[in-house]
Amino acid sequence: MDLHIDVPWILQVAELAGARDPAPDDYGVPVAAVACHRAELLEQPVYEGPYARAAALVHILGRCRWLERSNMAVAAATGVMYLEASGVQVKPTREDAIALRDLLRDPGCTAVKIAALLRTWSHAT
């Protein structure tokens, strides 16, 4: 399934996962995340499959500052919720969240690396 989300969906996730964070400082970041996960080049998706599209969202939302304090929490929640909405059941552990945070802080972080990490998350049973 090729699931594409929109900016209001990301803002809802931010409202849930970014508890008590004020309004976004930069609405361009969620707009860019939506465009990124939908990107096509020569009529072919740049990000193929739910892990790659979730990683594209997480990469933009986690690496670009757009919220006062909860960029990484919202990015992680967006990734989980996107995967679940795509039919992929995951149940990330605290260690999974820490690994994602550390990867997002790494200057060499890429969507490809995030997708590889997301694939390792324990699946819900």
PDB file of N, CA and C in Angstrom:
ATOM      1  N   MET A   1       0.847  -1.176   0.000  1.00  0.00           N
ATOM      2  CA  MET A   1       0.000   0.000   0.000  1.00  0.00           C
ATOM      3  C   MET A   1       0.892   1.239   0.000  1.00  0.00           C
ATOM      4  N   ASP A   2       0.597   2.194  -0.854  1.00  0.00           N
ATOM      5  CA  ASP A   2       1.315   3.459  -0.904  1.00  0.00           C
ATOM      6  C   ASP A   2       0.507   4.510  -0.145  1.00  0.00           C
ATOM      7  N   LEU A   3       0.819   4.680   1.105  1.00  0.00           N
ATOM      8  CA  LEU A   3       0.118   5.637   1.949  1.00  0.00           C
ATOM      9  C   LEU A   3       0.844   6.977   1.904  1.00  0.00           C
ATOM     10  N   HIS A   4       0.093   8.023   1.616  1.00  0.00           N
ATOM     11  CA  HIS A   4       0.643   9.371   1.648  1.00  0.00           C
ATOM     12  C   HIS A   4      -0.158  10.175   2.664  1.00  0.00           C
ATOM     13  N   ILE A   5       0.566  10.843   3.541  1.00  0.00           N
ATOM     14  CA  ILE A   5      -0.089  11.653   4.574  1.00  0.00           C
ATOM     15  C   ILE A   5       0.020  13.126   4.192  1.00  0.00           C
ATOM     16  N   ASP A   6      -0.624  13.981   4.982  1.00  0.00           N
ATOM     17  CA  ASP A   6      -0.603  15.412   4.689  1.00  0.00           C
ATOM     18  C   ASP A   6      -0.175  16.197   5.932  1.00  0.00           C
ATOM     19  N   VAL A   7      -0.047  17.493   5.780  1.00  0.00           N
ATOM     20  CA  VAL A   7       0.420  18.344   6.871  1.00  0.00           C
ATOM     21  C   VAL A   7      -0.518  18.292   8.080  1.00  0.00           C
ATOM     22  N   PRO A   8      -1.847  18.349   7.912  1.00  0.00           N
ATOM     23  CA  PRO A   8      -2.706  18.251   9.093  1.00  0.00           C
ATOM     24  C   PRO A   8      -2.475  16.959   9.887  1.00  0.00           C
ATOM     25  N   TRP A   9      -2.178  15.856   9.202  1.00  0.00           N
ATOM     26  CA  TRP A   9      -1.892  14.588   9.881  1.00  0.00           C
ATOM     27  C   TRP A   9      -0.647  14.737  10.756  1.00  0.00           C
ATOM     28  N   ILE A  10       0.405  15.343  10.211  1.00  0.00           N
ATOM     29  CA  ILE A  10       1.635  15.556  10.989  1.00  0.00           C
ATOM     30  C   ILE A  10       1.356  16.475  12.168  1.00  0.00           C
ATOM     31  N   LEU A  11       0.567  17.518  11.965  1.00  0.00           N
ATOM     32  CA  LEU A  11       0.256  18.432  13.059  1.00  0.00           C
ATOM     33  C   LEU A  11      -0.543  17.741  14.158  1.00  0.00           C
ATOM     34  N   GLN A  12      -1.401  16.786  13.797  1.00  0.00           N
ATOM     35  CA  GLN A  12      -2.123  16.006  14.805  1.00  0.00           C
ATOM     36  C   GLN A  12      -1.150  15.152  15.612  1.00  0.00           C
ATOM     37  N   VAL A  13      -0.202  14.522  14.937  1.00  0.00           N
ATOM     38  CA  VAL A  13       0.818  13.734  15.642  1.00  0.00           C
ATOM     39  C   VAL A  13       1.611  14.651  16.571  1.00  0.00           C
ATOM     40  N   ALA A  14       1.969  15.831  16.100  1.00  0.00           N
ATOM     41  CA  ALA A  14       2.719  16.778  16.922  1.00  0.00           C
ATOM     42  C   ALA A  14       1.917  17.193  18.154  1.00  0.00           C
ATOM     43  N   GLU A  15       0.631  17.342  17.986  1.00  0.00           N
ATOM     44  CA  GLU A  15      -0.222  17.706  19.125  1.00  0.00           C
ATOM     45  C   GLU A  15      -0.244  16.589  20.162  1.00  0.00           C
ATOM     46  N   LEU A  16      -0.282  15.338  19.697  1.00  0.00           N
ATOM     47  CA  LEU A  16      -0.310  14.190  20.613  1.00  0.00           C
ATOM     48  C   LEU A  16       1.057  13.910  21.229  1.00  0.00           C
ATOM     49  N   ALA A  17       2.094  13.869  20.412  1.00  0.00           N
ATOM     50  CA  ALA A  17       3.423  13.455  20.876  1.00  0.00           C
ATOM     51  C   ALA A  17       4.247  14.614  21.429  1.00  0.00           C
ATOM     52  N   GLY A  18       3.925  15.812  21.044  1.00  0.00           N
ATOM     53  CA  GLY A  18       4.674  16.980  21.495  1.00  0.00           C
ATOM     54  C   GLY A  18       3.942  17.715  22.585  1.00  0.00           C
ATOM     55  N   ALA A  19       3.467  16.973  23.562  1.00  0.00           N
ATOM     56  CA  ALA A  19       2.647  17.534  24.637  1.00  0.00           C
ATOM     57  C   ALA A  19       3.276  18.798  25.213  1.00  0.00           C
ATOM     58  N   ARG A  20       2.467  19.794  25.306  1.00  0.00           N
ATOM     59  CA  ARG A  20       2.823  21.089  25.893  1.00  0.00           C
ATOM     60  C   ARG A  20       3.875  21.864  25.097  1.00  0.00           C
ATOM     61  N   ASP A  21       4.146  21.438  23.867  1.00  0.00           N
ATOM     62  CA  ASP A  21       5.021  22.231  23.008  1.00  0.00           C
ATOM     63  C   ASP A  21       4.142  23.299  22.359  1.00  0.00           C
ATOM     64  N   PRO A  22       4.628  24.513  22.284  1.00  0.00           N
ATOM     65  CA  PRO A  22       3.809  25.551  21.635  1.00  0.00           C
ATOM     66  C   PRO A  22       3.671  25.278  20.135  1.00  0.00           C
ATOM     67  N   ALA A  23       2.973  26.118  19.463  1.00  0.00           N
ATOM     68  CA  ALA A  23       2.765  25.975  18.016  1.00  0.00           C
ATOM     69  C   ALA A  23       4.110  25.890  17.300  1.00  0.00           C
ATOM     70  N   PRO A  24       4.146  25.196  16.171  1.00  0.00           N
ATOM     71  CA  PRO A  24       5.404  25.081  15.423  1.00  0.00           C
ATOM     72  C   PRO A  24       6.007  26.447  15.105  1.00  0.00           C
ATOM     73  N   ASP A  25       7.342  26.477  15.153  1.00  0.00           N
ATOM     74  CA  ASP A  25       8.082  27.685  14.785  1.00  0.00           C
ATOM     75  C   ASP A  25       8.186  27.820  13.275  1.00  0.00           C
ATOM     76  N   ASP A  26       8.149  26.679  12.567  1.00  0.00           N
ATOM     77  CA  ASP A  26       8.389  26.686  11.121  1.00  0.00           C
ATOM     78  C   ASP A  26       7.492  25.643  10.457  1.00  0.00           C
ATOM     79  N   TYR A  27       6.391  26.088   9.880  1.00  0.00           N
ATOM     80  CA  TYR A  27       5.465  25.167   9.203  1.00  0.00           C
ATOM     81  C   TYR A  27       6.045  24.620   7.901  1.00  0.00           C
ATOM     82  N   GLY A  28       7.116  25.194   7.433  1.00  0.00           N
ATOM     83  CA  GLY A  28       7.749  24.692   6.226  1.00  0.00           C
ATOM     84  C   GLY A  28       8.334  23.303   6.401  1.00  0.00           C
ATOM     85  N   VAL A  29       8.717  22.944   7.629  1.00  0.00           N
ATOM     86  CA  VAL A  29       9.314  21.624   7.868  1.00  0.00           C
ATOM     87  C   VAL A  29       8.297  20.506   7.648  1.00  0.00           C
ATOM     88  N   PRO A  30       7.102  20.553   8.236  1.00  0.00           N
ATOM     89  CA  PRO A  30       6.154  19.477   7.913  1.00  0.00           C
ATOM     90  C   PRO A  30       5.727  19.485   6.448  1.00  0.00           C
ATOM     91  N   VAL A  31       5.675  20.671   5.832  1.00  0.00           N
ATOM     92  CA  VAL A  31       5.367  20.735   4.406  1.00  0.00           C
ATOM     93  C   VAL A  31       6.471  20.018   3.620  1.00  0.00           C
ATOM     94  N   ALA A  32       7.721  20.262   3.990  1.00  0.00           N
ATOM     95  CA  ALA A  32       8.847  19.600   3.322  1.00  0.00           C
ATOM     96  C   ALA A  32       8.822  18.087   3.560  1.00  0.00           C
ATOM     97  N   ALA A  33       8.460  17.659   4.765  1.00  0.00           N
ATOM     98  CA  ALA A  33       8.397  16.230   5.069  1.00  0.00           C
ATOM     99  C   ALA A  33       7.348  15.537   4.200  1.00  0.00           C
ATOM    100  N   VAL A  34       6.197  16.164   4.037  1.00  0.00           N
ATOM    101  CA  VAL A  34       5.147  15.599   3.180  1.00  0.00           C
ATOM    102  C   VAL A  34       5.650  15.488   1.751  1.00  0.00           C
ATOM    103  N   ALA A  35       6.258  16.556   1.249  1.00  0.00           N
ATOM    104  CA  ALA A  35       6.776  16.531  -0.123  1.00  0.00           C
ATOM    105  C   ALA A  35       7.858  15.473  -0.280  1.00  0.00           C
ATOM    106  N   CYS A  36       8.710  15.340   0.711  1.00  0.00           N
ATOM    107  CA  CYS A  36       9.811  14.380   0.647  1.00  0.00           C
ATOM    108  C   CYS A  36       9.291  12.948   0.575  1.00  0.00           C
ATOM    109  N   HIS A  37       8.348  12.574   1.435  1.00  0.00           N
ATOM    110  CA  HIS A  37       7.896  11.176   1.439  1.00  0.00           C
ATOM    111  C   HIS A  37       7.080  10.827   0.195  1.00  0.00           C
ATOM    112  N   ARG A  38       6.609  11.857  -0.518  1.00  0.00           N
ATOM    113  CA  ARG A  38       5.866  11.642  -1.772  1.00  0.00           C
ATOM    114  C   ARG A  38       6.743  11.802  -3.014  1.00  0.00           C
ATOM    115  N   ALA A  39       7.995  12.132  -2.832  1.00  0.00           N
ATOM    116  CA  ALA A  39       8.872  12.507  -3.946  1.00  0.00           C
ATOM    117  C   ALA A  39       8.957  11.429  -5.030  1.00  0.00           C
ATOM    118  N   GLU A  40       8.968  11.910  -6.268  1.00  0.00           N
ATOM    119  CA  GLU A  40       9.153  11.041  -7.434  1.00  0.00           C
ATOM    120  C   GLU A  40      10.237  11.639  -8.309  1.00  0.00           C
ATOM    121  N   LEU A  41      10.964  10.768  -8.971  1.00  0.00           N
ATOM    122  CA  LEU A  41      11.984  11.168  -9.922  1.00  0.00           C
ATOM    123  C   LEU A  41      11.789  10.309 -11.162  1.00  0.00           C
ATOM    124  N   LEU A  42      11.560  10.946 -12.288  1.00  0.00           N
ATOM    125  CA  LEU A  42      11.269  10.232 -13.540  1.00  0.00           C
ATOM    126  C   LEU A  42      10.102   9.259 -13.361  1.00  0.00           C
ATOM    127  N   GLU A  43       9.072   9.758 -12.674  1.00  0.00           N
ATOM    128  CA  GLU A  43       7.830   9.023 -12.421  1.00  0.00           C
ATOM    129  C   GLU A  43       8.017   7.763 -11.572  1.00  0.00           C
ATOM    130  N   GLN A  44       9.125   7.684 -10.845  1.00  0.00           N
ATOM    131  CA  GLN A  44       9.392   6.580  -9.926  1.00  0.00           C
ATOM    132  C   GLN A  44       9.515   7.143  -8.513  1.00  0.00           C
ATOM    133  N   PRO A  45       8.930   6.459  -7.515  1.00  0.00           N
ATOM    134  CA  PRO A  45       9.064   6.953  -6.144  1.00  0.00           C
ATOM    135  C   PRO A  45      10.524   7.000  -5.705  1.00  0.00           C
ATOM    136  N   VAL A  46      10.905   8.078  -5.055  1.00  0.00           N
ATOM    137  CA  VAL A  46      12.249   8.183  -4.491  1.00  0.00           C
ATOM    138  C   VAL A  46      12.345   7.262  -3.274  1.00  0.00           C
ATOM    139  N   TYR A  47      11.282   7.183  -2.498  1.00  0.00           N
ATOM    140  CA  TYR A  47      11.222   6.349  -1.300  1.00  0.00           C
ATOM    141  C   TYR A  47      10.194   5.256  -1.532  1.00  0.00           C
ATOM    142  N   GLU A  48      10.669   4.043  -1.718  1.00  0.00           N
ATOM    143  CA  GLU A  48       9.811   2.906  -2.053  1.00  0.00           C
ATOM    144  C   GLU A  48       9.499   2.103  -0.796  1.00  0.00           C
ATOM    145  N   GLY A  49       8.248   1.939  -0.499  1.00  0.00           N
ATOM    146  CA  GLY A  49       7.820   1.113   0.626  1.00  0.00           C
ATOM    147  C   GLY A  49       7.640   1.903   1.900  1.00  0.00           C
ATOM    148  N   PRO A  50       6.926   1.310   2.857  1.00  0.00           N
ATOM    149  CA  PRO A  50       6.581   2.044   4.078  1.00  0.00           C
ATOM    150  C   PRO A  50       7.772   2.416   4.952  1.00  0.00           C
ATOM    151  N   TYR A  51       8.789   1.554   5.050  1.00  0.00           N
ATOM    152  CA  TYR A  51       9.944   1.909   5.885  1.00  0.00           C
ATOM    153  C   TYR A  51      10.696   3.099   5.307  1.00  0.00           C
ATOM    154  N   ALA A  52      10.884   3.107   4.004  1.00  0.00           N
ATOM    155  CA  ALA A  52      11.599   4.215   3.365  1.00  0.00           C
ATOM    156  C   ALA A  52      10.806   5.510   3.472  1.00  0.00           C
ATOM    157  N   ARG A  53       9.484   5.444   3.282  1.00  0.00           N
ATOM    158  CA  ARG A  53       8.668   6.663   3.386  1.00  0.00           C
ATOM    159  C   ARG A  53       8.597   7.147   4.831  1.00  0.00           C
ATOM    160  N   ALA A  54       8.480   6.221   5.791  1.00  0.00           N
ATOM    161  CA  ALA A  54       8.502   6.613   7.206  1.00  0.00           C
ATOM    162  C   ALA A  54       9.837   7.261   7.542  1.00  0.00           C
ATOM    163  N   ALA A  55      10.920   6.692   7.024  1.00  0.00           N
ATOM    164  CA  ALA A  55      12.251   7.242   7.289  1.00  0.00           C
ATOM    165  C   ALA A  55      12.401   8.637   6.710  1.00  0.00           C
ATOM    166  N   ALA A  56      11.834   8.879   5.536  1.00  0.00           N
ATOM    167  CA  ALA A  56      11.895  10.211   4.939  1.00  0.00           C
ATOM    168  C   ALA A  56      11.197  11.226   5.838  1.00  0.00           C
ATOM    169  N   LEU A  57      10.049  10.853   6.365  1.00  0.00           N
ATOM    170  CA  LEU A  57       9.326  11.733   7.287  1.00  0.00           C
ATOM    171  C   LEU A  57      10.146  11.985   8.550  1.00  0.00           C
ATOM    172  N   VAL A  58      10.645  10.905   9.150  1.00  0.00           N
ATOM    173  CA  VAL A  58      11.419  11.018  10.394  1.00  0.00           C
ATOM    174  C   VAL A  58      12.666  11.868  10.177  1.00  0.00           C
ATOM    175  N   HIS A  59      13.321  11.670   9.052  1.00  0.00           N
ATOM    176  CA  HIS A  59      14.559  12.404   8.764  1.00  0.00           C
ATOM    177  C   HIS A  59      14.309  13.909   8.746  1.00  0.00           C
ATOM    178  N   ILE A  60      13.326  14.340   7.990  1.00  0.00           N
ATOM    179  CA  ILE A  60      13.036  15.782   7.898  1.00  0.00           C
ATOM    180  C   ILE A  60      12.536  16.322   9.235  1.00  0.00           C
ATOM    181  N   LEU A  61      11.573  15.636   9.840  1.00  0.00           N
ATOM    182  CA  LEU A  61      10.968  16.141  11.074  1.00  0.00           C
ATOM    183  C   LEU A  61      11.924  16.097  12.263  1.00  0.00           C
ATOM    184  N   GLY A  62      12.862  15.148  12.256  1.00  0.00           N
ATOM    185  CA  GLY A  62      13.785  15.007  13.375  1.00  0.00           C
ATOM    186  C   GLY A  62      15.050  15.834  13.249  1.00  0.00           C
ATOM    187  N   ARG A  63      15.481  16.104  12.033  1.00  0.00           N
ATOM    188  CA  ARG A  63      16.745  16.825  11.824  1.00  0.00           C
ATOM    189  C   ARG A  63      16.557  18.333  11.661  1.00  0.00           C
ATOM    190  N   CYS A  64      15.385  18.753  11.218  1.00  0.00           N
ATOM    191  CA  CYS A  64      15.120  20.187  11.028  1.00  0.00           C
ATOM    192  C   CYS A  64      14.341  20.713  12.231  1.00  0.00           C
ATOM    193  N   ARG A  65      14.822  21.780  12.822  1.00  0.00           N
ATOM    194  CA  ARG A  65      14.133  22.342  13.979  1.00  0.00           C
ATOM    195  C   ARG A  65      12.859  23.046  13.531  1.00  0.00           C
ATOM    196  N   TRP A  66      11.744  22.594  14.089  1.00  0.00           N
ATOM    197  CA  TRP A  66      10.471  23.250  13.769  1.00  0.00           C
ATOM    198  C   TRP A  66       9.575  23.360  14.989  1.00  0.00           C
ATOM    199  N   LEU A  67       9.923  22.639  16.054  1.00  0.00           N
ATOM    200  CA  LEU A  67       9.207  22.714  17.320  1.00  0.00           C
ATOM    201  C   LEU A  67      10.181  23.177  18.400  1.00  0.00           C
ATOM    202  N   GLU A  68       9.653  23.778  19.444  1.00  0.00           N
ATOM    203  CA  GLU A  68      10.529  24.310  20.481  1.00  0.00           C
ATOM    204  C   GLU A  68      11.324  23.218  21.195  1.00  0.00           C
ATOM    205  N   ARG A  69      10.656  22.085  21.552  1.00  0.00           N
ATOM    206  CA  ARG A  69      11.357  21.075  22.340  1.00  0.00           C
ATOM    207  C   ARG A  69      11.169  19.645  21.909  1.00  0.00           C
ATOM    208  N   SER A  70      10.241  19.332  21.053  1.00  0.00           N
ATOM    209  CA  SER A  70       9.893  17.918  20.862  1.00  0.00           C
ATOM    210  C   SER A  70      10.077  17.409  19.434  1.00  0.00           C
ATOM    211  N   ASN A  71      11.027  17.982  18.700  1.00  0.00           N
ATOM    212  CA  ASN A  71      11.254  17.527  17.322  1.00  0.00           C
ATOM    213  C   ASN A  71      11.437  16.018  17.244  1.00  0.00           C
ATOM    214  N   MET A  72      12.343  15.478  18.049  1.00  0.00           N
ATOM    215  CA  MET A  72      12.676  14.054  17.939  1.00  0.00           C
ATOM    216  C   MET A  72      11.532  13.160  18.395  1.00  0.00           C
ATOM    217  N   ALA A  73      10.834  13.548  19.443  1.00  0.00           N
ATOM    218  CA  ALA A  73       9.693  12.754  19.902  1.00  0.00           C
ATOM    219  C   ALA A  73       8.602  12.726  18.840  1.00  0.00           C
ATOM    220  N   VAL A  74       8.336  13.859  18.242  1.00  0.00           N
ATOM    221  CA  VAL A  74       7.313  13.936  17.193  1.00  0.00           C
ATOM    222  C   VAL A  74       7.773  13.169  15.956  1.00  0.00           C
ATOM    223  N   ALA A  75       9.049  13.269  15.614  1.00  0.00           N
ATOM    224  CA  ALA A  75       9.573  12.522  14.467  1.00  0.00           C
ATOM    225  C   ALA A  75       9.410  11.017  14.690  1.00  0.00           C
ATOM    226  N   ALA A  76       9.774  10.536  15.874  1.00  0.00           N
ATOM    227  CA  ALA A  76       9.649   9.107  16.182  1.00  0.00           C
ATOM    228  C   ALA A  76       8.189   8.673  16.146  1.00  0.00           C
ATOM    229  N   ALA A  77       7.316   9.469  16.756  1.00  0.00           N
ATOM    230  CA  ALA A  77       5.889   9.130  16.764  1.00  0.00           C
ATOM    231  C   ALA A  77       5.328   9.116  15.341  1.00  0.00           C
ATOM    232  N   THR A  78       5.766  10.046  14.520  1.00  0.00           N
ATOM    233  CA  THR A  78       5.319  10.086  13.129  1.00  0.00           C
ATOM    234  C   THR A  78       5.736   8.814  12.404  1.00  0.00           C
ATOM    235  N   GLY A  79       6.976   8.380  12.622  1.00  0.00           N
ATOM    236  CA  GLY A  79       7.446   7.149  11.996  1.00  0.00           C
ATOM    237  C   GLY A  79       6.628   5.940  12.410  1.00  0.00           C
ATOM    238  N   VAL A  80       6.385   5.805  13.712  1.00  0.00           N
ATOM    239  CA  VAL A  80       5.599   4.677  14.219  1.00  0.00           C
ATOM    240  C   VAL A  80       4.179   4.726  13.673  1.00  0.00           C
ATOM    241  N   MET A  81       3.555   5.889  13.751  1.00  0.00           N
ATOM    242  CA  MET A  81       2.171   6.004  13.300  1.00  0.00           C
ATOM    243  C   MET A  81       2.050   5.806  11.787  1.00  0.00           C
ATOM    244  N   TYR A  82       3.054   6.265  11.030  1.00  0.00           N
ATOM    245  CA  TYR A  82       3.030   6.050   9.585  1.00  0.00           C
ATOM    246  C   TYR A  82       3.140   4.555   9.279  1.00  0.00           C
ATOM    247  N   LEU A  83       4.066   3.870   9.941  1.00  0.00           N
ATOM    248  CA  LEU A  83       4.214   2.429   9.710  1.00  0.00           C
ATOM    249  C   LEU A  83       2.927   1.689  10.065  1.00  0.00           C
ATOM    250  N   GLU A  84       2.347   2.005  11.194  1.00  0.00           N
ATOM    251  CA  GLU A  84       1.111   1.337  11.607  1.00  0.00           C
ATOM    252  C   GLU A  84      -0.030   1.632  10.636  1.00  0.00           C
ATOM    253  N   ALA A  85      -0.138   2.867  10.171  1.00  0.00           N
ATOM    254  CA  ALA A  85      -1.180   3.216   9.195  1.00  0.00           C
ATOM    255  C   ALA A  85      -0.949   2.496   7.866  1.00  0.00           C
ATOM    256  N   SER A  86       0.315   2.122   7.605  1.00  0.00           N
ATOM    257  CA  SER A  86       0.660   1.389   6.384  1.00  0.00           C
ATOM    258  C   SER A  86       0.510  -0.121   6.550  1.00  0.00           C
ATOM    259  N   GLY A  87       0.076  -0.552   7.735  1.00  0.00           N
ATOM    260  CA  GLY A  87      -0.120  -1.974   7.972  1.00  0.00           C
ATOM    261  C   GLY A  87       1.078  -2.695   8.557  1.00  0.00           C
ATOM    262  N   VAL A  88       2.110  -1.956   8.944  1.00  0.00           N
ATOM    263  CA  VAL A  88       3.299  -2.551   9.566  1.00  0.00           C
ATOM    264  C   VAL A  88       3.187  -2.350  11.067  1.00  0.00           C
ATOM    265  N   GLN A  89       3.059  -3.430  11.795  1.00  0.00           N
ATOM    266  CA  GLN A  89       2.931  -3.341  13.246  1.00  0.00           C
ATOM    267  C   GLN A  89       4.308  -3.365  13.892  1.00  0.00           C
ATOM    268  N   VAL A  90       4.643  -2.311  14.612  1.00  0.00           N
ATOM    269  CA  VAL A  90       5.913  -2.236  15.332  1.00  0.00           C
ATOM    270  C   VAL A  90       5.629  -1.848  16.771  1.00  0.00           C
ATOM    271  N   LYS A  91       6.519  -2.279  17.630  1.00  0.00           N
ATOM    272  CA  LYS A  91       6.428  -1.913  19.034  1.00  0.00           C
ATOM    273  C   LYS A  91       7.828  -1.535  19.504  1.00  0.00           C
ATOM    274  N   PRO A  92       8.227  -0.289  19.223  1.00  0.00           N
ATOM    275  CA  PRO A  92       9.591   0.112  19.581  1.00  0.00           C
ATOM    276  C   PRO A  92       9.794   0.136  21.092  1.00  0.00           C
ATOM    277  N   THR A  93      10.980  -0.284  21.483  1.00  0.00           N
ATOM    278  CA  THR A  93      11.363  -0.264  22.888  1.00  0.00           C
ATOM    279  C   THR A  93      12.023   1.067  23.217  1.00  0.00           C
ATOM    280  N   ARG A  94      12.325   1.254  24.474  1.00  0.00           N
ATOM    281  CA  ARG A  94      13.040   2.457  24.890  1.00  0.00           C
ATOM    282  C   ARG A  94      14.397   2.513  24.192  1.00  0.00           C
ATOM    283  N   GLU A  95      15.049   1.359  24.079  1.00  0.00           N
ATOM    284  CA  GLU A  95      16.348   1.293  23.406  1.00  0.00           C
ATOM    285  C   GLU A  95      16.226   1.678  21.933  1.00  0.00           C
ATOM    286  N   ASP A  96      15.120   1.267  21.287  1.00  0.00           N
ATOM    287  CA  ASP A  96      14.873   1.654  19.899  1.00  0.00           C
ATOM    288  C   ASP A  96      14.769   3.171  19.779  1.00  0.00           C
ATOM    289  N   ALA A  97      14.045   3.787  20.707  1.00  0.00           N
ATOM    290  CA  ALA A  97      13.880   5.245  20.689  1.00  0.00           C
ATOM    291  C   ALA A  97      15.218   5.948  20.908  1.00  0.00           C
ATOM    292  N   ILE A  98      16.031   5.421  21.800  1.00  0.00           N
ATOM    293  CA  ILE A  98      17.349   6.008  22.060  1.00  0.00           C
ATOM    294  C   ILE A  98      18.237   5.877  20.818  1.00  0.00           C
ATOM    295  N   ALA A  99      18.180   4.723  20.165  1.00  0.00           N
ATOM    296  CA  ALA A  99      18.981   4.515  18.948  1.00  0.00           C
ATOM    297  C   ALA A  99      18.550   5.496  17.855  1.00  0.00           C
ATOM    298  N   LEU A 100      17.240   5.730  17.730  1.00  0.00           N
ATOM    299  CA  LEU A 100      16.757   6.685  16.734  1.00  0.00           C
ATOM    300  C   LEU A 100      17.204   8.095  17.083  1.00  0.00           C
ATOM    301  N   ARG A 101      17.092   8.460  18.336  1.00  0.00           N
ATOM    302  CA  ARG A 101      17.550   9.788  18.773  1.00  0.00           C
ATOM    303  C   ARG A 101      19.031   9.979  18.452  1.00  0.00           C
ATOM    304  N   ASP A 102      19.838   8.966  18.788  1.00  0.00           N
ATOM    305  CA  ASP A 102      21.274   9.058  18.529  1.00  0.00           C
ATOM    306  C   ASP A 102      21.567   9.170  17.042  1.00  0.00           C
ATOM    307  N   LEU A 103      20.838   8.413  16.232  1.00  0.00           N
ATOM    308  CA  LEU A 103      21.032   8.487  14.785  1.00  0.00           C
ATOM    309  C   LEU A 103      20.649   9.866  14.256  1.00  0.00           C
ATOM    310  N   LEU A 104      19.538  10.421  14.735  1.00  0.00           N
ATOM    311  CA  LEU A 104      19.116  11.749  14.285  1.00  0.00           C
ATOM    312  C   LEU A 104      20.119  12.835  14.683  1.00  0.00           C
ATOM    313  N   ARG A 105      20.843  12.625  15.759  1.00  0.00           N
ATOM    314  CA  ARG A 105      21.860  13.593  16.193  1.00  0.00           C
ATOM    315  C   ARG A 105      23.168  13.455  15.413  1.00  0.00           C
ATOM    316  N   ASP A 106      23.354  12.330  14.752  1.00  0.00           N
ATOM    317  CA  ASP A 106      24.582  12.054  13.999  1.00  0.00           C
ATOM    318  C   ASP A 106      24.587  12.883  12.718  1.00  0.00           C
ATOM    319  N   PRO A 107      25.650  13.653  12.450  1.00  0.00           N
ATOM    320  CA  PRO A 107      25.709  14.444  11.216  1.00  0.00           C
ATOM    321  C   PRO A 107      25.637  13.593   9.945  1.00  0.00           C
ATOM    322  N   GLY A 108      25.966  12.322  10.041  1.00  0.00           N
ATOM    323  CA  GLY A 108      25.908  11.431   8.882  1.00  0.00           C
ATOM    324  C   GLY A 108      24.563  10.747   8.714  1.00  0.00           C
ATOM    325  N   CYS A 109      23.568  11.200   9.455  1.00  0.00           N
ATOM    326  CA  CYS A 109      22.231  10.596   9.392  1.00  0.00           C
ATOM    327  C   CYS A 109      21.618  10.772   8.006  1.00  0.00           C
ATOM    328  N   THR A 110      21.033   9.679   7.491  1.00  0.00           N
ATOM    329  CA  THR A 110      20.322   9.722   6.212  1.00  0.00           C
ATOM    330  C   THR A 110      19.006   8.968   6.350  1.00  0.00           C
ATOM    331  N   ALA A 111      18.113   9.180   5.405  1.00  0.00           N
ATOM    332  CA  ALA A 111      16.852   8.436   5.399  1.00  0.00           C
ATOM    333  C   ALA A 111      17.115   6.943   5.231  1.00  0.00           C
ATOM    334  N   VAL A 112      18.135   6.587   4.465  1.00  0.00           N
ATOM    335  CA  VAL A 112      18.468   5.165   4.269  1.00  0.00           C
ATOM    336  C   VAL A 112      18.862   4.535   5.602  1.00  0.00           C
ATOM    337  N   LYS A 113      19.668   5.235   6.393  1.00  0.00           N
ATOM    338  CA  LYS A 113      20.077   4.713   7.703  1.00  0.00           C
ATOM    339  C   LYS A 113      18.889   4.619   8.650  1.00  0.00           C
ATOM    340  N   ILE A 114      18.003   5.589   8.593  1.00  0.00           N
ATOM    341  CA  ILE A 114      16.805   5.553   9.448  1.00  0.00           C
ATOM    342  C   ILE A 114      15.925   4.374   9.059  1.00  0.00           C
ATOM    343  N   ALA A 115      15.721   4.152   7.755  1.00  0.00           N
ATOM    344  CA  ALA A 115      14.896   3.024   7.301  1.00  0.00           C
ATOM    345  C   ALA A 115      15.482   1.699   7.791  1.00  0.00           C
ATOM    346  N   ALA A 116      16.803   1.556   7.731  1.00  0.00           N
ATOM    347  CA  ALA A 116      17.445   0.326   8.210  1.00  0.00           C
ATOM    348  C   ALA A 116      17.189   0.149   9.703  1.00  0.00           C
ATOM    349  N   LEU A 117      17.258   1.235  10.466  1.00  0.00           N
ATOM    350  CA  LEU A 117      16.978   1.154  11.897  1.00  0.00           C
ATOM    351  C   LEU A 117      15.516   0.793  12.153  1.00  0.00           C
ATOM    352  N   LEU A 118      14.600   1.423  11.440  1.00  0.00           N
ATOM    353  CA  LEU A 118      13.175   1.130  11.633  1.00  0.00           C
ATOM    354  C   LEU A 118      12.863  -0.334  11.363  1.00  0.00           C
ATOM    355  N   ARG A 119      13.549  -0.940  10.397  1.00  0.00           N
ATOM    356  CA  ARG A 119      13.317  -2.354  10.087  1.00  0.00           C
ATOM    357  C   ARG A 119      13.719  -3.280  11.230  1.00  0.00           C
ATOM    358  N   THR A 120      14.574  -2.801  12.144  1.00  0.00           N
ATOM    359  CA  THR A 120      15.019  -3.638  13.259  1.00  0.00           C
ATOM    360  C   THR A 120      14.080  -3.580  14.460  1.00  0.00           C
ATOM    361  N   TRP A 121      13.151  -2.649  14.432  1.00  0.00           N
ATOM    362  CA  TRP A 121      12.263  -2.508  15.578  1.00  0.00           C
ATOM    363  C   TRP A 121      11.416  -3.747  15.747  1.00  0.00           C
ATOM    364  N   SER A 122      11.237  -4.147  16.991  1.00  0.00           N
ATOM    365  CA  SER A 122      10.459  -5.366  17.250  1.00  0.00           C
ATOM    366  C   SER A 122       9.034  -5.193  16.773  1.00  0.00           C
ATOM    367  N   HIS A 123       8.551  -6.225  16.136  1.00  0.00           N
ATOM    368  CA  HIS A 123       7.180  -6.192  15.628  1.00  0.00           C
ATOM    369  C   HIS A 123       6.204  -6.548  16.731  1.00  0.00           C
ATOM    370  N   ALA A 124       5.086  -5.883  16.761  1.00  0.00           N
ATOM    371  CA  ALA A 124       4.051  -6.152  17.756  1.00  0.00           C
ATOM    372  C   ALA A 124       3.489  -7.539  17.505  1.00  0.00           C
ATOM    373  N   THR A 125       3.096  -8.178  18.568  1.00  0.00           N
ATOM    374  CA  THR A 125       2.507  -9.519  18.440  1.00  0.00           C
ATOM    375  C   THR A 125       1.071  -9.520  18.891  1.00  0.00           C
TER     376      THR A 125
END
